[in-house]
Amino acid sequence: MAAAQEQAPNTRELILAAAEDLFASQGYQSTTIKQVAEQVGVQGPALYKHFANKRALFEEVLERVFDPFTSLMQDSRELPGTLQRVLEQQVKNPNASRIVQQATLSGGEDLALLVERWYLPFFEQAREAASSGDGGLSAVNIMALHSMLLGYLTLAPLHRAIFDTEPLSVEALAELLQLEMSFVGLLAPDSAE
């Protein structure tokens, strides 16, 4: 019986998972502590045993979602490998793209936090990785790559409903990566054949 209890997620993890889903689907501003509590099946005040307030909960959700991107960027020095690892991480956690888009649309304190803590360092590292190639990439190129990736992943359910293909299949993601690399002129000449 003790083994079964050890395998069950603890309340804090359940809260984080529920909050992540809600922040991804409706944004920080529109998500309430009461909604998170209802999702977990506890009373609202129970959340305050684990998190001081909604902002503290949001910050921890962001750490949980975006810290893996920070780690992979620190291990990366070349753009092709970086793009592939970012794409793989985004597919593992589609809420990352959704949280970014929700924060961008709201333009509030959630966007400021996301920019300050994760996106500025992430894009500084992306620029370093991109500058290791021939001539480097401009800020506009990096923004376009990011937008292409975020849009592709966020719109996957729509595209799945329209096209007779799985947009997140290994083959489709390889094609997306190849498109992104050719977009910035980084595709090796002999691999284009």
N, C-alpha and C. Protein backbone atom coordinates (compact mmCIF):
# COMPACT_ATOMS: atom_id res chain seq x y z
N MET A 1 0.82 -1.19 0.00
CA MET A 1 0.00 0.00 0.00
C MET A 1 0.86 1.25 0.00
N ALA A 2 2.00 1.21 0.70
CA ALA A 2 2.89 2.35 0.73
C ALA A 2 3.43 2.64 -0.67
N ALA A 3 3.70 1.60 -1.46
CA ALA A 3 4.20 1.80 -2.82
C ALA A 3 3.17 2.51 -3.68
N ALA A 4 1.90 2.20 -3.50
CA ALA A 4 0.84 2.86 -4.27
C ALA A 4 0.77 4.33 -3.90
N GLN A 5 0.95 4.66 -2.62
CA GLN A 5 0.92 6.05 -2.19
C GLN A 5 2.12 6.82 -2.76
N GLU A 6 3.27 6.19 -2.85
CA GLU A 6 4.45 6.85 -3.38
C GLU A 6 4.28 7.18 -4.86
N GLN A 7 3.55 6.36 -5.59
CA GLN A 7 3.38 6.58 -7.02
C GLN A 7 2.34 7.65 -7.32
N ALA A 8 1.42 7.89 -6.41
CA ALA A 8 0.38 8.89 -6.64
C ALA A 8 1.01 10.29 -6.58
N PRO A 9 0.64 11.16 -7.53
CA PRO A 9 1.19 12.52 -7.49
C PRO A 9 0.72 13.24 -6.22
N ASN A 10 1.61 14.03 -5.67
CA ASN A 10 1.22 14.76 -4.47
C ASN A 10 0.38 15.98 -4.85
N THR A 11 -0.25 16.57 -3.87
CA THR A 11 -1.16 17.69 -4.11
C THR A 11 -0.46 18.84 -4.81
N ARG A 12 0.74 19.14 -4.42
CA ARG A 12 1.49 20.24 -5.04
C ARG A 12 1.67 20.00 -6.53
N GLU A 13 2.03 18.77 -6.91
CA GLU A 13 2.21 18.43 -8.32
C GLU A 13 0.88 18.51 -9.08
N LEU A 14 -0.19 18.07 -8.44
CA LEU A 14 -1.51 18.15 -9.07
C LEU A 14 -1.91 19.62 -9.29
N ILE A 15 -1.60 20.46 -8.33
CA ILE A 15 -1.89 21.89 -8.45
C ILE A 15 -1.10 22.49 -9.61
N LEU A 16 0.18 22.16 -9.68
CA LEU A 16 1.02 22.69 -10.75
C LEU A 16 0.53 22.23 -12.12
N ALA A 17 0.15 20.97 -12.23
CA ALA A 17 -0.33 20.45 -13.52
C ALA A 17 -1.64 21.13 -13.92
N ALA A 18 -2.55 21.28 -12.97
CA ALA A 18 -3.83 21.93 -13.27
C ALA A 18 -3.63 23.39 -13.65
N ALA A 19 -2.79 24.08 -12.88
CA ALA A 19 -2.52 25.49 -13.16
C ALA A 19 -1.86 25.65 -14.53
N GLU A 20 -0.92 24.78 -14.85
CA GLU A 20 -0.26 24.84 -16.16
C GLU A 20 -1.29 24.73 -17.28
N ASP A 21 -2.18 23.77 -17.18
CA ASP A 21 -3.21 23.60 -18.21
C ASP A 21 -4.12 24.81 -18.30
N LEU A 22 -4.51 25.36 -17.17
CA LEU A 22 -5.39 26.54 -17.18
C LEU A 22 -4.67 27.77 -17.71
N PHE A 23 -3.44 27.99 -17.28
CA PHE A 23 -2.68 29.14 -17.80
C PHE A 23 -2.48 29.01 -19.32
N ALA A 24 -2.29 27.78 -19.78
CA ALA A 24 -2.09 27.55 -21.22
C ALA A 24 -3.38 27.76 -22.00
N SER A 25 -4.51 27.37 -21.43
CA SER A 25 -5.76 27.44 -22.19
C SER A 25 -6.46 28.79 -22.08
N GLN A 26 -6.28 29.50 -20.95
CA GLN A 26 -7.00 30.77 -20.82
C GLN A 26 -6.14 31.93 -20.33
N GLY A 27 -4.89 31.69 -20.07
CA GLY A 27 -3.99 32.77 -19.67
C GLY A 27 -3.96 33.01 -18.17
N TYR A 28 -2.94 33.73 -17.76
CA TYR A 28 -2.74 34.05 -16.34
C TYR A 28 -3.86 34.94 -15.82
N GLN A 29 -4.17 35.99 -16.55
CA GLN A 29 -5.17 36.96 -16.10
C GLN A 29 -6.54 36.33 -15.89
N SER A 30 -6.92 35.41 -16.74
CA SER A 30 -8.27 34.82 -16.68
C SER A 30 -8.37 33.61 -15.76
N THR A 31 -7.25 33.11 -15.31
CA THR A 31 -7.26 31.93 -14.43
C THR A 31 -7.38 32.38 -12.98
N THR A 32 -8.27 31.73 -12.26
CA THR A 32 -8.43 32.05 -10.84
C THR A 32 -7.92 30.88 -9.98
N ILE A 33 -7.59 31.23 -8.76
CA ILE A 33 -7.18 30.20 -7.79
C ILE A 33 -8.32 29.21 -7.59
N LYS A 34 -9.54 29.71 -7.59
CA LYS A 34 -10.71 28.84 -7.41
C LYS A 34 -10.79 27.81 -8.54
N GLN A 35 -10.52 28.22 -9.78
CA GLN A 35 -10.55 27.29 -10.91
C GLN A 35 -9.49 26.20 -10.76
N VAL A 36 -8.31 26.61 -10.33
CA VAL A 36 -7.22 25.64 -10.13
C VAL A 36 -7.63 24.64 -9.06
N ALA A 37 -8.17 25.15 -7.96
CA ALA A 37 -8.60 24.28 -6.86
C ALA A 37 -9.67 23.30 -7.32
N GLU A 38 -10.64 23.81 -8.07
CA GLU A 38 -11.71 22.93 -8.58
C GLU A 38 -11.14 21.84 -9.48
N GLN A 39 -10.17 22.19 -10.29
CA GLN A 39 -9.53 21.23 -11.19
C GLN A 39 -8.86 20.10 -10.41
N VAL A 40 -8.28 20.46 -9.26
CA VAL A 40 -7.56 19.50 -8.43
C VAL A 40 -8.50 18.75 -7.49
N GLY A 41 -9.65 19.39 -7.20
CA GLY A 41 -10.59 18.76 -6.29
C GLY A 41 -10.36 19.12 -4.84
N VAL A 42 -9.82 20.32 -4.62
CA VAL A 42 -9.62 20.80 -3.25
C VAL A 42 -10.29 22.17 -3.11
N GLN A 43 -10.36 22.66 -1.89
CA GLN A 43 -10.89 23.99 -1.62
C GLN A 43 -9.82 25.03 -1.93
N GLY A 44 -10.23 26.19 -2.39
CA GLY A 44 -9.30 27.26 -2.73
C GLY A 44 -8.24 27.55 -1.69
N PRO A 45 -8.63 27.68 -0.40
CA PRO A 45 -7.62 27.96 0.63
C PRO A 45 -6.53 26.90 0.74
N ALA A 46 -6.81 25.68 0.33
CA ALA A 46 -5.80 24.61 0.39
C ALA A 46 -4.60 24.93 -0.50
N LEU A 47 -4.82 25.67 -1.58
CA LEU A 47 -3.71 26.03 -2.47
C LEU A 47 -2.70 26.92 -1.77
N TYR A 48 -3.18 27.73 -0.83
CA TYR A 48 -2.29 28.66 -0.14
C TYR A 48 -1.35 27.96 0.84
N LYS A 49 -1.57 26.69 1.09
CA LYS A 49 -0.62 25.90 1.88
C LYS A 49 0.63 25.62 1.04
N HIS A 50 0.46 25.66 -0.28
CA HIS A 50 1.55 25.32 -1.19
C HIS A 50 2.14 26.55 -1.90
N PHE A 51 1.32 27.56 -2.13
CA PHE A 51 1.75 28.75 -2.88
C PHE A 51 1.20 30.00 -2.19
N ALA A 52 2.04 31.02 -2.08
CA ALA A 52 1.63 32.24 -1.37
C ALA A 52 0.48 32.95 -2.07
N ASN A 53 0.49 32.92 -3.40
CA ASN A 53 -0.55 33.61 -4.17
C ASN A 53 -0.51 33.11 -5.62
N LYS A 54 -1.37 33.67 -6.44
CA LYS A 54 -1.45 33.21 -7.83
C LYS A 54 -0.14 33.49 -8.58
N ARG A 55 0.47 34.60 -8.30
CA ARG A 55 1.74 34.93 -8.98
C ARG A 55 2.81 33.90 -8.64
N ALA A 56 2.91 33.51 -7.37
CA ALA A 56 3.90 32.50 -6.98
C ALA A 56 3.62 31.17 -7.68
N LEU A 57 2.35 30.83 -7.81
CA LEU A 57 1.96 29.62 -8.54
C LEU A 57 2.37 29.74 -10.01
N PHE A 58 2.10 30.89 -10.61
CA PHE A 58 2.45 31.11 -12.01
C PHE A 58 3.96 31.03 -12.21
N GLU A 59 4.72 31.63 -11.32
CA GLU A 59 6.18 31.59 -11.42
C GLU A 59 6.70 30.15 -11.38
N GLU A 60 6.12 29.35 -10.51
CA GLU A 60 6.58 27.96 -10.42
C GLU A 60 6.17 27.16 -11.66
N VAL A 61 5.00 27.45 -12.21
CA VAL A 61 4.58 26.81 -13.46
C VAL A 61 5.56 27.19 -14.57
N LEU A 62 5.93 28.46 -14.64
CA LEU A 62 6.88 28.89 -15.67
C LEU A 62 8.23 28.19 -15.51
N GLU A 63 8.69 28.05 -14.28
CA GLU A 63 9.95 27.33 -14.05
C GLU A 63 9.84 25.90 -14.56
N ARG A 64 8.75 25.28 -14.24
CA ARG A 64 8.52 23.88 -14.62
C ARG A 64 8.47 23.72 -16.14
N VAL A 65 7.88 24.70 -16.81
CA VAL A 65 7.71 24.62 -18.26
C VAL A 65 8.97 25.08 -19.01
N PHE A 66 9.60 26.16 -18.55
CA PHE A 66 10.67 26.76 -19.34
C PHE A 66 12.10 26.44 -18.91
N ASP A 67 12.30 25.95 -17.71
CA ASP A 67 13.66 25.57 -17.31
C ASP A 67 14.30 24.53 -18.24
N PRO A 68 13.54 23.55 -18.74
CA PRO A 68 14.18 22.61 -19.69
C PRO A 68 14.73 23.30 -20.94
N PHE A 69 14.10 24.38 -21.39
CA PHE A 69 14.61 25.11 -22.55
C PHE A 69 15.92 25.81 -22.21
N THR A 70 15.99 26.35 -21.01
CA THR A 70 17.21 27.01 -20.57
C THR A 70 18.36 26.01 -20.53
N SER A 71 18.09 24.84 -20.01
CA SER A 71 19.13 23.80 -19.93
C SER A 71 19.62 23.40 -21.31
N LEU A 72 18.71 23.19 -22.23
CA LEU A 72 19.15 22.74 -23.55
C LEU A 72 19.88 23.85 -24.30
N MET A 73 19.55 25.10 -24.04
CA MET A 73 20.26 26.20 -24.69
C MET A 73 21.69 26.33 -24.14
N GLN A 74 21.86 26.04 -22.87
CA GLN A 74 23.20 26.13 -22.28
C GLN A 74 24.12 25.07 -22.84
N ASP A 75 23.56 23.96 -23.30
CA ASP A 75 24.35 22.87 -23.85
C ASP A 75 24.55 23.00 -25.36
N SER A 76 24.09 24.10 -25.94
CA SER A 76 24.06 24.20 -27.39
C SER A 76 24.92 25.34 -27.89
N ARG A 77 25.61 25.08 -28.98
CA ARG A 77 26.43 26.12 -29.59
C ARG A 77 26.19 26.26 -31.09
N GLU A 78 25.39 25.41 -31.68
CA GLU A 78 25.14 25.52 -33.12
C GLU A 78 23.63 25.50 -33.36
N LEU A 79 23.20 26.30 -34.32
CA LEU A 79 21.79 26.49 -34.56
C LEU A 79 21.03 25.23 -34.98
N PRO A 80 21.51 24.43 -35.92
CA PRO A 80 20.70 23.27 -36.32
C PRO A 80 20.36 22.34 -35.15
N GLY A 81 21.34 22.03 -34.34
CA GLY A 81 21.08 21.17 -33.19
C GLY A 81 20.18 21.84 -32.16
N THR A 82 20.37 23.14 -31.99
CA THR A 82 19.53 23.89 -31.06
C THR A 82 18.08 23.87 -31.50
N LEU A 83 17.84 24.14 -32.77
CA LEU A 83 16.46 24.13 -33.28
C LEU A 83 15.82 22.77 -33.09
N GLN A 84 16.56 21.73 -33.34
CA GLN A 84 16.01 20.39 -33.18
C GLN A 84 15.65 20.12 -31.73
N ARG A 85 16.53 20.48 -30.81
CA ARG A 85 16.25 20.25 -29.39
C ARG A 85 15.08 21.11 -28.89
N VAL A 86 15.00 22.34 -29.36
CA VAL A 86 13.88 23.21 -28.98
C VAL A 86 12.57 22.62 -29.50
N LEU A 87 12.59 22.17 -30.74
CA LEU A 87 11.40 21.56 -31.34
C LEU A 87 10.97 20.32 -30.55
N GLU A 88 11.91 19.47 -30.21
CA GLU A 88 11.59 18.27 -29.43
C GLU A 88 11.00 18.62 -28.07
N GLN A 89 11.56 19.64 -27.42
CA GLN A 89 11.06 20.05 -26.11
C GLN A 89 9.66 20.66 -26.23
N GLN A 90 9.44 21.43 -27.29
CA GLN A 90 8.11 22.02 -27.51
C GLN A 90 7.06 20.94 -27.72
N VAL A 91 7.41 19.91 -28.48
CA VAL A 91 6.47 18.82 -28.73
C VAL A 91 6.18 18.06 -27.43
N LYS A 92 7.20 17.88 -26.59
CA LYS A 92 7.00 17.21 -25.31
C LYS A 92 6.02 17.99 -24.43
N ASN A 93 6.07 19.31 -24.51
CA ASN A 93 5.20 20.12 -23.67
C ASN A 93 4.56 21.23 -24.51
N PRO A 94 3.43 20.92 -25.16
CA PRO A 94 2.76 21.92 -25.99
C PRO A 94 2.24 23.12 -25.20
N ASN A 95 2.12 22.97 -23.88
CA ASN A 95 1.67 24.11 -23.08
C ASN A 95 2.66 25.27 -23.11
N ALA A 96 3.91 24.99 -23.39
CA ALA A 96 4.90 26.07 -23.47
C ALA A 96 4.49 27.09 -24.53
N SER A 97 4.16 26.63 -25.71
CA SER A 97 3.74 27.54 -26.79
C SER A 97 2.47 28.27 -26.42
N ARG A 98 1.55 27.56 -25.82
CA ARG A 98 0.26 28.17 -25.46
C ARG A 98 0.42 29.23 -24.38
N ILE A 99 1.27 28.97 -23.39
CA ILE A 99 1.51 29.95 -22.33
C ILE A 99 2.14 31.20 -22.92
N VAL A 100 3.10 31.03 -23.82
CA VAL A 100 3.74 32.18 -24.46
C VAL A 100 2.71 32.99 -25.24
N GLN A 101 1.87 32.32 -25.99
CA GLN A 101 0.88 33.05 -26.78
C GLN A 101 -0.15 33.74 -25.89
N GLN A 102 -0.59 33.08 -24.84
CA GLN A 102 -1.53 33.72 -23.92
C GLN A 102 -0.91 34.96 -23.29
N ALA A 103 0.33 34.84 -22.83
CA ALA A 103 1.02 35.97 -22.20
C ALA A 103 1.23 37.11 -23.20
N THR A 104 1.56 36.76 -24.43
CA THR A 104 1.78 37.77 -25.46
C THR A 104 0.48 38.52 -25.76
N LEU A 105 -0.61 37.80 -25.83
CA LEU A 105 -1.90 38.43 -26.11
C LEU A 105 -2.36 39.33 -24.96
N SER A 106 -2.09 38.94 -23.73
CA SER A 106 -2.54 39.74 -22.59
C SER A 106 -1.63 40.95 -22.37
N GLY A 107 -0.34 40.78 -22.63
CA GLY A 107 0.60 41.89 -22.48
C GLY A 107 0.76 42.39 -21.06
N GLY A 108 0.35 41.62 -20.08
CA GLY A 108 0.39 42.06 -18.70
C GLY A 108 1.65 41.62 -17.97
N GLU A 109 1.50 41.51 -16.65
CA GLU A 109 2.65 41.15 -15.82
C GLU A 109 3.17 39.75 -16.16
N ASP A 110 2.30 38.90 -16.68
CA ASP A 110 2.74 37.55 -17.05
C ASP A 110 3.72 37.62 -18.21
N LEU A 111 3.49 38.52 -19.16
CA LEU A 111 4.43 38.68 -20.28
C LEU A 111 5.75 39.26 -19.77
N ALA A 112 5.68 40.25 -18.90
CA ALA A 112 6.89 40.86 -18.36
C ALA A 112 7.75 39.82 -17.64
N LEU A 113 7.11 38.98 -16.85
CA LEU A 113 7.84 37.92 -16.13
C LEU A 113 8.46 36.93 -17.11
N LEU A 114 7.69 36.51 -18.09
CA LEU A 114 8.17 35.55 -19.08
C LEU A 114 9.37 36.11 -19.85
N VAL A 115 9.27 37.36 -20.25
CA VAL A 115 10.36 38.00 -20.99
C VAL A 115 11.60 38.11 -20.12
N GLU A 116 11.43 38.65 -18.94
CA GLU A 116 12.58 38.90 -18.07
C GLU A 116 13.30 37.63 -17.64
N ARG A 117 12.55 36.64 -17.21
CA ARG A 117 13.17 35.45 -16.63
C ARG A 117 13.60 34.40 -17.64
N TRP A 118 12.85 34.27 -18.75
CA TRP A 118 13.16 33.18 -19.66
C TRP A 118 13.46 33.64 -21.08
N TYR A 119 12.68 34.53 -21.62
CA TYR A 119 12.86 34.82 -23.03
C TYR A 119 14.08 35.65 -23.35
N LEU A 120 14.41 36.66 -22.56
CA LEU A 120 15.64 37.42 -22.83
C LEU A 120 16.87 36.52 -22.78
N PRO A 121 17.05 35.74 -21.71
CA PRO A 121 18.21 34.84 -21.70
C PRO A 121 18.17 33.81 -22.83
N PHE A 122 16.98 33.27 -23.12
CA PHE A 122 16.84 32.28 -24.19
C PHE A 122 17.26 32.88 -25.53
N PHE A 123 16.78 34.08 -25.84
CA PHE A 123 17.11 34.68 -27.13
C PHE A 123 18.55 35.17 -27.19
N GLU A 124 19.12 35.55 -26.06
CA GLU A 124 20.55 35.88 -26.06
C GLU A 124 21.36 34.64 -26.42
N GLN A 125 20.99 33.50 -25.87
CA GLN A 125 21.69 32.26 -26.19
C GLN A 125 21.41 31.84 -27.63
N ALA A 126 20.19 32.08 -28.11
CA ALA A 126 19.86 31.75 -29.50
C ALA A 126 20.69 32.60 -30.46
N ARG A 127 20.87 33.86 -30.11
CA ARG A 127 21.71 34.74 -30.96
C ARG A 127 23.15 34.24 -31.00
N GLU A 128 23.65 33.81 -29.84
CA GLU A 128 25.02 33.27 -29.80
C GLU A 128 25.13 32.03 -30.67
N ALA A 129 24.16 31.13 -30.55
CA ALA A 129 24.17 29.90 -31.35
C ALA A 129 24.06 30.24 -32.83
N ALA A 130 23.22 31.22 -33.16
CA ALA A 130 23.00 31.60 -34.56
C ALA A 130 24.22 32.32 -35.14
N SER A 131 24.95 33.03 -34.31
CA SER A 131 26.10 33.78 -34.82
C SER A 131 27.29 32.88 -35.11
N SER A 132 27.23 31.61 -34.67
CA SER A 132 28.33 30.70 -34.94
C SER A 132 28.33 30.24 -36.40
N GLY A 133 27.23 30.47 -37.12
CA GLY A 133 27.16 30.10 -38.54
C GLY A 133 27.76 31.19 -39.42
N ASP A 134 27.62 31.05 -40.71
CA ASP A 134 28.15 32.04 -41.65
C ASP A 134 27.37 33.34 -41.54
N GLY A 135 28.02 34.35 -40.98
CA GLY A 135 27.42 35.66 -40.92
C GLY A 135 26.37 35.84 -39.84
N GLY A 136 25.91 34.79 -39.24
CA GLY A 136 24.93 34.91 -38.17
C GLY A 136 23.54 35.24 -38.69
N LEU A 137 22.63 35.34 -37.78
CA LEU A 137 21.24 35.65 -38.10
C LEU A 137 20.87 36.99 -37.50
N SER A 138 20.03 37.70 -38.22
CA SER A 138 19.55 38.97 -37.69
C SER A 138 18.45 38.70 -36.66
N ALA A 139 18.11 39.73 -35.93
CA ALA A 139 17.02 39.62 -34.96
C ALA A 139 15.72 39.23 -35.67
N VAL A 140 15.50 39.76 -36.85
CA VAL A 140 14.28 39.45 -37.61
C VAL A 140 14.25 37.97 -37.99
N ASN A 141 15.40 37.41 -38.39
CA ASN A 141 15.46 35.98 -38.71
C ASN A 141 15.11 35.13 -37.49
N ILE A 142 15.66 35.49 -36.35
CA ILE A 142 15.40 34.74 -35.12
C ILE A 142 13.92 34.86 -34.74
N MET A 143 13.36 36.05 -34.86
CA MET A 143 11.94 36.23 -34.56
C MET A 143 11.07 35.39 -35.49
N ALA A 144 11.43 35.36 -36.78
CA ALA A 144 10.65 34.59 -37.75
C ALA A 144 10.73 33.09 -37.46
N LEU A 145 11.92 32.60 -37.12
CA LEU A 145 12.07 31.19 -36.77
C LEU A 145 11.21 30.84 -35.56
N HIS A 146 11.27 31.69 -34.56
CA HIS A 146 10.49 31.47 -33.35
C HIS A 146 8.99 31.48 -33.65
N SER A 147 8.55 32.45 -34.42
CA SER A 147 7.13 32.54 -34.77
C SER A 147 6.67 31.33 -35.58
N MET A 148 7.51 30.89 -36.50
CA MET A 148 7.17 29.73 -37.31
C MET A 148 6.99 28.50 -36.42
N LEU A 149 7.91 28.29 -35.51
CA LEU A 149 7.85 27.14 -34.62
C LEU A 149 6.64 27.22 -33.69
N LEU A 150 6.46 28.36 -33.05
CA LEU A 150 5.35 28.52 -32.11
C LEU A 150 4.00 28.37 -32.82
N GLY A 151 3.86 29.00 -33.96
CA GLY A 151 2.61 28.92 -34.71
C GLY A 151 2.33 27.50 -35.19
N TYR A 152 3.35 26.83 -35.68
CA TYR A 152 3.18 25.47 -36.18
C TYR A 152 2.66 24.56 -35.06
N LEU A 153 3.29 24.66 -33.90
CA LEU A 153 2.90 23.79 -32.79
C LEU A 153 1.53 24.14 -32.22
N THR A 154 1.25 25.41 -32.09
CA THR A 154 -0.03 25.83 -31.54
C THR A 154 -1.19 25.50 -32.48
N LEU A 155 -0.94 25.57 -33.77
CA LEU A 155 -1.99 25.31 -34.75
C LEU A 155 -2.09 23.84 -35.15
N ALA A 156 -1.30 22.98 -34.55
CA ALA A 156 -1.32 21.55 -34.90
C ALA A 156 -2.72 20.94 -34.82
N PRO A 157 -3.53 21.23 -33.80
CA PRO A 157 -4.88 20.65 -33.79
C PRO A 157 -5.73 21.10 -34.98
N LEU A 158 -5.61 22.36 -35.38
CA LEU A 158 -6.34 22.85 -36.56
C LEU A 158 -5.87 22.13 -37.81
N HIS A 159 -4.56 22.04 -37.98
CA HIS A 159 -4.01 21.40 -39.18
C HIS A 159 -4.33 19.91 -39.22
N ARG A 160 -4.37 19.27 -38.06
CA ARG A 160 -4.74 17.86 -37.98
C ARG A 160 -6.16 17.67 -38.51
N ALA A 161 -7.05 18.63 -38.20
CA ALA A 161 -8.44 18.54 -38.63
C ALA A 161 -8.61 18.84 -40.12
N ILE A 162 -7.70 19.62 -40.70
CA ILE A 162 -7.82 20.03 -42.10
C ILE A 162 -7.11 19.08 -43.05
N PHE A 163 -5.87 18.73 -42.70
CA PHE A 163 -5.04 17.93 -43.59
C PHE A 163 -5.08 16.46 -43.18
N ASP A 164 -4.84 15.62 -44.11
CA ASP A 164 -4.83 14.18 -43.82
C ASP A 164 -3.43 13.75 -43.40
N THR A 165 -2.93 14.35 -42.33
CA THR A 165 -1.60 14.04 -41.82
C THR A 165 -1.52 14.43 -40.35
N GLU A 166 -0.57 13.84 -39.66
CA GLU A 166 -0.32 14.17 -38.26
C GLU A 166 0.82 15.20 -38.22
N PRO A 167 0.51 16.47 -37.89
CA PRO A 167 1.53 17.52 -37.92
C PRO A 167 2.68 17.32 -36.93
N LEU A 168 2.49 16.49 -35.92
CA LEU A 168 3.54 16.27 -34.93
C LEU A 168 4.23 14.92 -35.08
N SER A 169 4.03 14.28 -36.24
CA SER A 169 4.73 13.02 -36.50
C SER A 169 6.22 13.30 -36.68
N VAL A 170 7.01 12.27 -36.52
CA VAL A 170 8.46 12.41 -36.69
C VAL A 170 8.78 12.96 -38.08
N GLU A 171 8.09 12.45 -39.09
CA GLU A 171 8.34 12.88 -40.47
C GLU A 171 7.96 14.35 -40.66
N ALA A 172 6.82 14.75 -40.14
CA ALA A 172 6.38 16.14 -40.30
C ALA A 172 7.32 17.09 -39.56
N LEU A 173 7.75 16.71 -38.38
CA LEU A 173 8.66 17.57 -37.62
C LEU A 173 10.03 17.66 -38.30
N ALA A 174 10.49 16.58 -38.90
CA ALA A 174 11.75 16.62 -39.65
C ALA A 174 11.62 17.58 -40.84
N GLU A 175 10.47 17.54 -41.50
CA GLU A 175 10.22 18.44 -42.63
C GLU A 175 10.17 19.90 -42.16
N LEU A 176 9.54 20.14 -41.00
CA LEU A 176 9.50 21.49 -40.43
C LEU A 176 10.91 21.98 -40.12
N LEU A 177 11.71 21.13 -39.51
CA LEU A 177 13.09 21.51 -39.17
C LEU A 177 13.88 21.82 -40.44
N GLN A 178 13.71 21.00 -41.48
CA GLN A 178 14.40 21.25 -42.74
C GLN A 178 13.95 22.58 -43.34
N LEU A 179 12.66 22.88 -43.27
CA LEU A 179 12.15 24.15 -43.77
C LEU A 179 12.75 25.31 -43.01
N GLU A 180 12.80 25.19 -41.69
CA GLU A 180 13.38 26.27 -40.89
C GLU A 180 14.86 26.47 -41.23
N MET A 181 15.59 25.38 -41.40
CA MET A 181 17.00 25.50 -41.72
C MET A 181 17.20 26.12 -43.11
N SER A 182 16.40 25.72 -44.07
CA SER A 182 16.54 26.30 -45.41
C SER A 182 16.08 27.75 -45.40
N PHE A 183 15.14 28.07 -44.55
CA PHE A 183 14.64 29.44 -44.43
C PHE A 183 15.76 30.41 -44.09
N VAL A 184 16.67 29.99 -43.26
CA VAL A 184 17.77 30.88 -42.86
C VAL A 184 19.07 30.56 -43.60
N GLY A 185 18.98 29.69 -44.59
CA GLY A 185 20.16 29.42 -45.40
C GLY A 185 21.19 28.56 -44.72
N LEU A 186 20.78 27.77 -43.75
CA LEU A 186 21.73 26.94 -43.02
C LEU A 186 21.71 25.48 -43.45
N LEU A 187 20.88 25.15 -44.41
CA LEU A 187 20.82 23.77 -44.88
C LEU A 187 22.07 23.49 -45.71
N ALA A 188 22.78 22.45 -45.36
CA ALA A 188 24.00 22.10 -46.09
C ALA A 188 23.66 21.81 -47.55
N PRO A 189 24.49 22.26 -48.51
CA PRO A 189 24.17 22.07 -49.93
C PRO A 189 23.91 20.62 -50.32
N ASP A 190 24.70 19.68 -49.80
CA ASP A 190 24.50 18.29 -50.21
C ASP A 190 23.32 17.63 -49.52
N SER A 191 22.77 18.22 -48.44
CA SER A 191 21.60 17.62 -47.79
C SER A 191 20.30 18.10 -48.43
N ALA A 192 20.39 19.09 -49.33
CA ALA A 192 19.19 19.59 -50.00
C ALA A 192 18.79 18.69 -51.16
N GLU A 193 19.66 17.80 -51.55
CA GLU A 193 19.36 16.94 -52.70
C GLU A 193 18.47 15.78 -52.34
